[in-house]
Amino acid sequence: MFIKVKVFPDSKRDEVIKKTDDSFEVKVREKAEEGRANQRVIEVLASYLNIPQERLVIIRGARQRNKIFKLIERHCEGGRK
């Protein structure tokens, strides 16, 4: 599954706004320096989606405001989902 995210770094507070089923706006307090805003976006979005941070990977837009994340499938023991 892919998730489209528009990021607003250096915001007054951390916030997730759902636009559509696969599109979000994420506001973070971190500045867009040295990947800090990206890491905070992953933390905030993972918390909002109630998933581990490791399941979210930026596949496009690491240095841009508009990003695409891939939601990694979770596998249980024995190869079952």
C-alpha atoms as a PDB file:
ATOM      1  CA  MET A   1       0.000   0.000   0.000  1.00  0.00           C
ATOM      2  CA  PHE A   2       1.220   3.504  -0.817  1.00  0.00           C
ATOM      3  CA  ILE A   3       0.464   6.651   1.172  1.00  0.00           C
ATOM      4  CA  LYS A   4       0.759  10.212  -0.172  1.00  0.00           C
ATOM      5  CA  VAL A   5       1.878  12.782   2.376  1.00  0.00           C
ATOM      6  CA  LYS A   6       2.248  16.548   2.168  1.00  0.00           C
ATOM      7  CA  VAL A   7       4.619  17.670   4.913  1.00  0.00           C
ATOM      8  CA  PHE A   8       4.613  20.990   6.743  1.00  0.00           C
ATOM      9  CA  PRO A   9       7.888  21.230   8.711  1.00  0.00           C
ATOM     10  CA  ASP A  10       8.559  23.862  11.372  1.00  0.00           C
ATOM     11  CA  SER A  11       4.873  23.927  12.385  1.00  0.00           C
ATOM     12  CA  LYS A  12       3.524  25.006  15.759  1.00  0.00           C
ATOM     13  CA  ARG A  13       2.493  21.440  16.650  1.00  0.00           C
ATOM     14  CA  ASP A  14       2.597  17.864  15.390  1.00  0.00           C
ATOM     15  CA  GLU A  15      -0.638  16.961  13.617  1.00  0.00           C
ATOM     16  CA  VAL A  16      -2.012  14.512  11.032  1.00  0.00           C
ATOM     17  CA  ILE A  17      -4.901  15.518   8.776  1.00  0.00           C
ATOM     18  CA  LYS A  18      -6.496  12.774   6.706  1.00  0.00           C
ATOM     19  CA  LYS A  19      -7.449  14.011   3.222  1.00  0.00           C
ATOM     20  CA  THR A  20      -8.451  10.701   1.579  1.00  0.00           C
ATOM     21  CA  ASP A  21      -7.953   7.018   2.399  1.00  0.00           C
ATOM     22  CA  ASP A  22      -4.370   7.162   1.103  1.00  0.00           C
ATOM     23  CA  SER A  23      -3.536  10.870   1.410  1.00  0.00           C
ATOM     24  CA  PHE A  24      -2.522  12.886   4.470  1.00  0.00           C
ATOM     25  CA  GLU A  25      -1.137  16.246   5.503  1.00  0.00           C
ATOM     26  CA  VAL A  26       1.384  15.975   8.324  1.00  0.00           C
ATOM     27  CA  LYS A  27       2.550  18.966  10.334  1.00  0.00           C
ATOM     28  CA  VAL A  28       5.685  18.558  12.445  1.00  0.00           C
ATOM     29  CA  ARG A  29       7.589  20.900  14.724  1.00  0.00           C
ATOM     30  CA  GLU A  30      10.986  19.762  13.423  1.00  0.00           C
ATOM     31  CA  LYS A  31      12.795  21.804  10.795  1.00  0.00           C
ATOM     32  CA  ALA A  32      13.619  20.230   7.445  1.00  0.00           C
ATOM     33  CA  GLU A  33      17.314  19.852   8.271  1.00  0.00           C
ATOM     34  CA  GLU A  34      19.414  16.679   8.223  1.00  0.00           C
ATOM     35  CA  GLY A  35      16.353  14.444   7.879  1.00  0.00           C
ATOM     36  CA  ARG A  36      14.899  15.427  11.257  1.00  0.00           C
ATOM     37  CA  ALA A  37      11.511  16.413   9.822  1.00  0.00           C
ATOM     38  CA  ASN A  38      11.304  13.160   7.837  1.00  0.00           C
ATOM     39  CA  GLN A  39      12.021  11.102  10.949  1.00  0.00           C
ATOM     40  CA  ARG A  40       9.388  13.010  12.913  1.00  0.00           C
ATOM     41  CA  VAL A  41       6.849  12.538  10.086  1.00  0.00           C
ATOM     42  CA  ILE A  42       7.449   8.777  10.287  1.00  0.00           C
ATOM     43  CA  GLU A  43       6.988   8.837  14.080  1.00  0.00           C
ATOM     44  CA  VAL A  44       3.808  10.939  13.978  1.00  0.00           C
ATOM     45  CA  LEU A  45       2.234   9.079  11.039  1.00  0.00           C
ATOM     46  CA  ALA A  46       3.056   5.643  12.488  1.00  0.00           C
ATOM     47  CA  SER A  47       1.461   6.665  15.778  1.00  0.00           C
ATOM     48  CA  TYR A  48      -1.636   7.955  13.968  1.00  0.00           C
ATOM     49  CA  LEU A  49      -1.936   4.721  11.953  1.00  0.00           C
ATOM     50  CA  ASN A  50      -1.138   2.635  15.048  1.00  0.00           C
ATOM     51  CA  ILE A  51       1.676   0.726  13.321  1.00  0.00           C
ATOM     52  CA  PRO A  52       5.403   0.276  14.048  1.00  0.00           C
ATOM     53  CA  GLN A  53       7.625   2.958  12.508  1.00  0.00           C
ATOM     54  CA  GLU A  54       9.610   0.265  10.683  1.00  0.00           C
ATOM     55  CA  ARG A  55       6.599  -0.405   8.428  1.00  0.00           C
ATOM     56  CA  LEU A  56       6.761   3.093   6.855  1.00  0.00           C
ATOM     57  CA  VAL A  57       9.410   3.752   4.206  1.00  0.00           C
ATOM     58  CA  ILE A  58       9.820   6.897   2.090  1.00  0.00           C
ATOM     59  CA  ILE A  59      10.057   5.795  -1.530  1.00  0.00           C
ATOM     60  CA  ARG A  60       9.743   9.194  -3.217  1.00  0.00           C
ATOM     61  CA  GLY A  61      10.272  12.794  -2.136  1.00  0.00           C
ATOM     62  CA  ALA A  62      12.779  12.423   0.703  1.00  0.00           C
ATOM     63  CA  ARG A  63      13.932  16.008   0.084  1.00  0.00           C
ATOM     64  CA  GLN A  64      10.579  17.415  -0.981  1.00  0.00           C
ATOM     65  CA  ARG A  65       7.365  18.465   0.725  1.00  0.00           C
ATOM     66  CA  ASN A  66       5.261  15.916  -1.186  1.00  0.00           C
ATOM     67  CA  LYS A  67       6.263  12.374  -0.293  1.00  0.00           C
ATOM     68  CA  ILE A  68       5.133   8.857  -1.053  1.00  0.00           C
ATOM     69  CA  PHE A  69       5.472   6.235   1.653  1.00  0.00           C
ATOM     70  CA  LYS A  70       5.225   2.502   1.235  1.00  0.00           C
ATOM     71  CA  LEU A  71       3.441   0.623   3.992  1.00  0.00           C
ATOM     72  CA  ILE A  72       5.424  -2.609   4.403  1.00  0.00           C
ATOM     73  CA  GLU A  73       3.351  -5.760   4.890  1.00  0.00           C
ATOM     74  CA  ARG A  74       3.632  -7.417   8.266  1.00  0.00           C
ATOM     75  CA  HIS A  75       4.498 -11.122   8.298  1.00  0.00           C
ATOM     76  CA  CYS A  76       3.887 -13.438  11.233  1.00  0.00           C
ATOM     77  CA  GLU A  77       5.785 -16.633  12.029  1.00  0.00           C
ATOM     78  CA  GLY A  78       5.335 -19.404   9.522  1.00  0.00           C
ATOM     79  CA  GLY A  79       4.931 -16.966   6.621  1.00  0.00           C
ATOM     80  CA  ARG A  80       1.318 -16.076   7.443  1.00  0.00           C
ATOM     81  CA  LYS A  81      -0.003 -12.530   7.432  1.00  0.00           C
END
